[in-house]
């Protein structure tokens, strides 16, 4: 286990705990994956080690390719720990509804190009939403690659785009359409594969999602009626 100097708890999610630390005189973020009591202990250990390695590798490859992600400073896969660069910024989800038109277009362009370049490297994010975009002084920084992985399946790429679009609609339905259109325009201009196929799949996923939501609401209403 790495020595964490003066750790300050920031958040605890379903999969990991986040701390701010002083790492050899530099402000840094520590992400520590947490064990699950319902998982077999042996599987739990292997799972945590594997996911930690993948996340660290993805971050390092994207950073080395010049994409805006936190730099990895240290990895302790045995204990599920990644120490990474601290980046000052605000989550896009917190200010999306207050963005003016120019800012919206600029951010959408950065998001679309990032997604395309990431997918060109056969990497998917897995939780590509406004909440995982930091708006910093140097532009948009993408964070939290805990669900990321490697794949040549365009379904994974389409899911990334769908999640971003859906999170925009949740944040501000009136701005979401324009934002999504500019994201997809930038994506199409930078993705080296068949962008039309990815976007087509994204729209199919969106339709499936709406159908599932409708059916879920029907089920809930039936259950309420029965009760």
Protein backbone atom coordinates (compact mmCIF):
# COMPACT_ATOMS: atom_id res chain seq x y z
CA UNK A 1 0.00 0.00 0.00
CA UNK A 2 1.34 3.43 -0.91
CA UNK A 3 1.79 6.00 1.84
CA UNK A 4 -0.96 8.60 1.56
CA UNK A 5 0.16 11.88 3.11
CA UNK A 6 -2.67 13.77 4.82
CA UNK A 7 -5.54 12.19 2.87
CA UNK A 8 -8.73 14.25 2.73
CA UNK A 9 -11.86 12.25 1.85
CA UNK A 10 -13.71 13.68 -1.15
CA UNK A 11 -16.31 11.07 -2.02
CA UNK A 12 -17.24 7.42 -1.75
CA UNK A 13 -19.00 5.81 -4.67
CA UNK A 14 -20.25 2.31 -5.32
CA UNK A 15 -16.86 1.18 -6.61
CA UNK A 16 -14.24 3.49 -5.13
CA UNK A 17 -13.21 6.04 -2.52
CA UNK A 18 -11.66 9.33 -3.63
CA UNK A 19 -9.14 11.32 -1.57
CA UNK A 20 -7.10 14.48 -1.98
CA UNK A 21 -3.50 14.04 -0.85
CA UNK A 22 -0.14 15.72 -0.70
CA UNK A 23 1.95 13.41 -2.88
CA UNK A 24 5.63 14.32 -2.47
CA UNK A 25 4.71 17.99 -2.28
CA UNK A 26 2.23 17.85 -5.16
CA UNK A 27 -1.53 17.96 -4.77
CA UNK A 28 -2.95 14.72 -6.12
CA UNK A 29 -6.06 12.55 -6.22
CA UNK A 30 -6.14 9.01 -4.88
CA UNK A 31 -8.72 6.55 -6.13
CA UNK A 32 -9.05 3.38 -4.08
CA UNK A 33 -11.35 0.62 -5.23
CA UNK A 34 -13.44 -0.89 -2.45
CA UNK A 35 -14.18 -4.55 -1.78
CA UNK A 36 -17.70 -5.89 -2.07
CA UNK A 37 -18.92 -8.15 0.76
CA UNK A 38 -21.15 -10.12 -1.61
CA UNK A 39 -18.27 -11.09 -3.90
CA UNK A 40 -16.12 -14.15 -3.34
CA UNK A 41 -12.95 -12.82 -1.63
CA UNK A 42 -10.62 -14.40 -4.20
CA UNK A 43 -12.66 -13.09 -7.13
CA UNK A 44 -12.96 -9.71 -5.45
CA UNK A 45 -9.18 -9.37 -5.18
CA UNK A 46 -8.60 -10.45 -8.78
CA UNK A 47 -11.38 -8.16 -10.02
CA UNK A 48 -10.02 -5.12 -8.18
CA UNK A 49 -6.48 -5.75 -9.41
CA UNK A 50 -7.65 -6.24 -12.99
CA UNK A 51 -9.88 -3.17 -13.09
CA UNK A 52 -7.16 -1.04 -11.50
CA UNK A 53 -4.62 -2.14 -14.12
CA UNK A 54 -7.01 -1.48 -17.00
CA UNK A 55 -7.99 1.96 -15.73
CA UNK A 56 -4.36 2.97 -15.17
CA UNK A 57 -3.33 1.66 -18.58
CA UNK A 58 -6.20 3.46 -20.35
CA UNK A 59 -5.39 6.74 -18.60
CA UNK A 60 -1.70 6.45 -19.42
CA UNK A 61 -2.31 5.66 -23.09
CA UNK A 62 -4.75 8.53 -23.52
CA UNK A 63 -2.45 10.95 -21.69
CA UNK A 64 0.56 9.90 -23.77
CA UNK A 65 -1.53 10.40 -26.91
CA UNK A 66 -2.09 14.02 -25.90
CA UNK A 67 -5.68 13.74 -24.75
CA UNK A 68 -6.79 15.72 -21.71
CA UNK A 69 -7.02 13.22 -18.87
CA UNK A 70 -5.33 13.17 -15.44
CA UNK A 71 -1.74 11.95 -15.49
CA UNK A 72 -1.14 8.73 -13.58
CA UNK A 73 1.49 9.26 -10.87
CA UNK A 74 1.51 5.86 -9.17
CA UNK A 75 -0.34 2.53 -9.37
CA UNK A 76 -0.72 -0.02 -6.58
CA UNK A 77 -2.89 -2.65 -8.24
CA UNK A 78 -2.43 -5.04 -5.32
CA UNK A 79 -4.52 -2.68 -3.20
CA UNK A 80 -6.62 -1.18 -5.98
CA UNK A 81 -5.03 2.26 -5.73
CA UNK A 82 -4.29 4.83 -8.43
CA UNK A 83 -2.64 8.15 -7.58
CA UNK A 84 -3.25 10.72 -10.29
CA UNK A 85 -2.82 14.36 -11.12
CA UNK A 86 -5.20 16.80 -9.42
CA UNK A 87 -6.97 19.02 -11.94
CA UNK A 88 -8.84 22.12 -10.82
CA UNK A 89 -12.16 22.48 -12.55
CA UNK A 90 -15.92 22.23 -12.32
CA UNK A 91 -18.04 19.35 -13.55
CA UNK A 92 -19.91 20.17 -16.76
CA UNK A 93 -23.09 18.74 -15.26
CA UNK A 94 -23.08 21.50 -12.63
CA UNK A 95 -23.07 24.39 -15.11
CA UNK A 96 -24.54 22.93 -18.31
CA UNK A 97 -27.85 24.75 -17.97
CA UNK A 98 -26.07 28.11 -17.60
CA UNK A 99 -23.74 27.81 -20.60
CA UNK A 100 -24.21 30.30 -23.43
CA UNK A 101 -24.36 29.24 -27.05
CA UNK A 102 -20.68 29.79 -27.84
CA UNK A 103 -19.49 27.88 -24.78
CA UNK A 104 -21.90 25.05 -25.54
CA UNK A 105 -20.60 24.67 -29.09
CA UNK A 106 -16.97 24.86 -27.97
CA UNK A 107 -17.39 22.22 -25.26
CA UNK A 108 -19.40 19.97 -27.58
CA UNK A 109 -16.62 20.15 -30.15
CA UNK A 110 -14.01 19.14 -27.59
CA UNK A 111 -16.18 16.30 -26.34
CA UNK A 112 -16.85 14.96 -29.83
CA UNK A 113 -13.19 15.08 -30.84
CA UNK A 114 -12.11 13.45 -27.58
CA UNK A 115 -14.59 10.61 -28.04
CA UNK A 116 -13.45 10.04 -31.62
CA UNK A 117 -9.75 10.01 -30.73
CA UNK A 118 -10.43 7.69 -27.80
CA UNK A 119 -12.41 5.31 -30.01
CA UNK A 120 -9.70 5.48 -32.67
CA UNK A 121 -7.47 3.91 -30.01
CA UNK A 122 -10.07 1.12 -29.48
CA UNK A 123 -10.85 2.48 -26.02
CA UNK A 124 -14.31 3.13 -24.63
CA UNK A 125 -15.09 5.12 -21.48
CA UNK A 126 -18.13 3.27 -20.16
CA UNK A 127 -19.52 6.23 -18.18
CA UNK A 128 -19.12 9.08 -20.65
CA UNK A 129 -21.37 11.75 -19.13
CA UNK A 130 -21.35 15.44 -18.28
CA UNK A 131 -20.55 14.51 -14.68
CA UNK A 132 -17.22 13.09 -15.85
CA UNK A 133 -16.17 16.20 -17.75
CA UNK A 134 -14.13 18.79 -15.89
CA UNK A 135 -14.16 22.31 -17.31
CA UNK A 136 -10.67 23.59 -16.55
CA UNK A 137 -8.61 26.61 -17.54
CA UNK A 138 -7.01 24.43 -20.23
CA UNK A 139 -10.23 23.05 -21.68
CA UNK A 140 -12.35 19.95 -21.13
CA UNK A 141 -10.71 17.19 -19.10
CA UNK A 142 -12.29 13.73 -19.03
CA UNK A 143 -12.16 11.85 -15.73
CA UNK A 144 -13.26 8.58 -14.08
CA UNK A 145 -12.29 5.71 -16.35
CA UNK A 146 -13.36 3.09 -13.83
CA UNK A 147 -15.62 1.36 -16.37
CA UNK A 148 -13.31 1.86 -19.36
CA UNK A 149 -11.94 -0.90 -21.51
CA UNK A 150 -10.71 -1.98 -24.91
CA UNK A 151 -13.00 -3.08 -27.73
CA UNK A 152 -13.47 -2.98 -31.48
CA UNK A 153 -17.25 -3.31 -31.07
CA UNK A 154 -18.98 -0.11 -32.19
CA UNK A 155 -21.73 -0.85 -29.66
CA UNK A 156 -19.33 0.29 -26.93
CA UNK A 157 -18.56 3.50 -28.82
CA UNK A 158 -22.25 4.13 -29.47
CA UNK A 159 -23.01 3.66 -25.78
CA UNK A 160 -20.45 6.35 -24.92
CA UNK A 161 -22.16 8.81 -27.27
CA UNK A 162 -25.62 7.82 -26.04
CA UNK A 163 -24.65 8.33 -22.39
CA UNK A 164 -23.27 11.79 -23.13
CA UNK A 165 -26.41 12.78 -25.03
CA UNK A 166 -28.71 11.39 -22.35
CA UNK A 167 -26.85 13.21 -19.57
CA UNK A 168 -27.25 16.46 -21.54
CA UNK A 169 -31.01 15.92 -21.80
CA UNK A 170 -31.18 15.31 -18.07
CA UNK A 171 -29.22 18.51 -17.37
CA UNK A 172 -31.14 20.77 -19.76
CA UNK A 173 -33.54 19.34 -22.38
CA UNK A 174 -33.67 22.63 -24.30
CA UNK A 175 -29.90 22.76 -24.85
CA UNK A 176 -29.33 19.04 -25.23
CA UNK A 177 -30.33 18.75 -28.89
CA UNK A 178 -27.90 21.43 -30.08
CA UNK A 179 -25.16 20.08 -27.81
CA UNK A 180 -25.60 16.52 -29.10
CA UNK A 181 -25.63 17.64 -32.74
CA UNK A 182 -22.33 19.49 -32.30
CA UNK A 183 -20.80 16.54 -30.42
CA UNK A 184 -21.72 14.20 -33.27
CA UNK A 185 -20.50 16.66 -35.91
CA UNK A 186 -17.09 16.88 -34.24
CA UNK A 187 -17.04 13.12 -33.73
CA UNK A 188 -17.73 12.48 -37.42
CA UNK A 189 -14.87 14.77 -38.39
CA UNK A 190 -12.31 12.96 -36.23
CA UNK A 191 -13.35 9.31 -36.05
CA UNK A 192 -11.30 7.19 -38.46
CA UNK A 193 -13.87 4.44 -38.78
CA UNK A 194 -17.44 4.59 -40.08
CA UNK A 195 -18.89 7.36 -37.92
CA UNK A 196 -22.31 6.99 -39.55
CA UNK A 197 -22.54 3.40 -38.31
CA UNK A 198 -21.60 4.41 -34.77
CA UNK A 199 -24.15 7.23 -34.74
CA UNK A 200 -26.82 4.95 -36.22
CA UNK A 201 -26.17 2.44 -33.44
CA UNK A 202 -26.31 5.25 -30.89
CA UNK A 203 -29.78 6.23 -32.09
CA UNK A 204 -30.90 2.60 -31.91
CA UNK A 205 -29.67 2.42 -28.32
CA UNK A 206 -31.54 5.62 -27.54
CA UNK A 207 -34.78 4.14 -28.90
CA UNK A 208 -34.26 0.95 -26.92
CA UNK A 209 -33.64 3.03 -23.81
CA UNK A 210 -36.87 4.98 -24.23
CA UNK A 211 -38.78 1.73 -24.73
CA UNK A 212 -37.31 0.26 -21.54
CA UNK A 213 -38.13 3.44 -19.63
CA UNK A 214 -41.74 3.35 -20.85
CA UNK A 215 -42.16 -0.32 -19.96
CA UNK A 216 -40.62 0.28 -16.54
CA UNK A 217 -43.04 3.13 -15.88
CA UNK A 218 -45.95 0.90 -16.94
CA UNK A 219 -44.78 -1.82 -14.56
CA UNK A 220 -44.48 0.65 -11.69
CA UNK A 221 -47.97 2.01 -12.36
CA UNK A 222 -49.42 -1.52 -12.49
CA UNK A 223 -47.73 -2.36 -9.19
CA UNK A 224 -49.11 0.80 -7.61
CA UNK A 225 -52.57 -0.06 -8.89
CA UNK A 226 -52.35 -3.59 -7.50
CA UNK A 227 -51.20 -2.26 -4.15
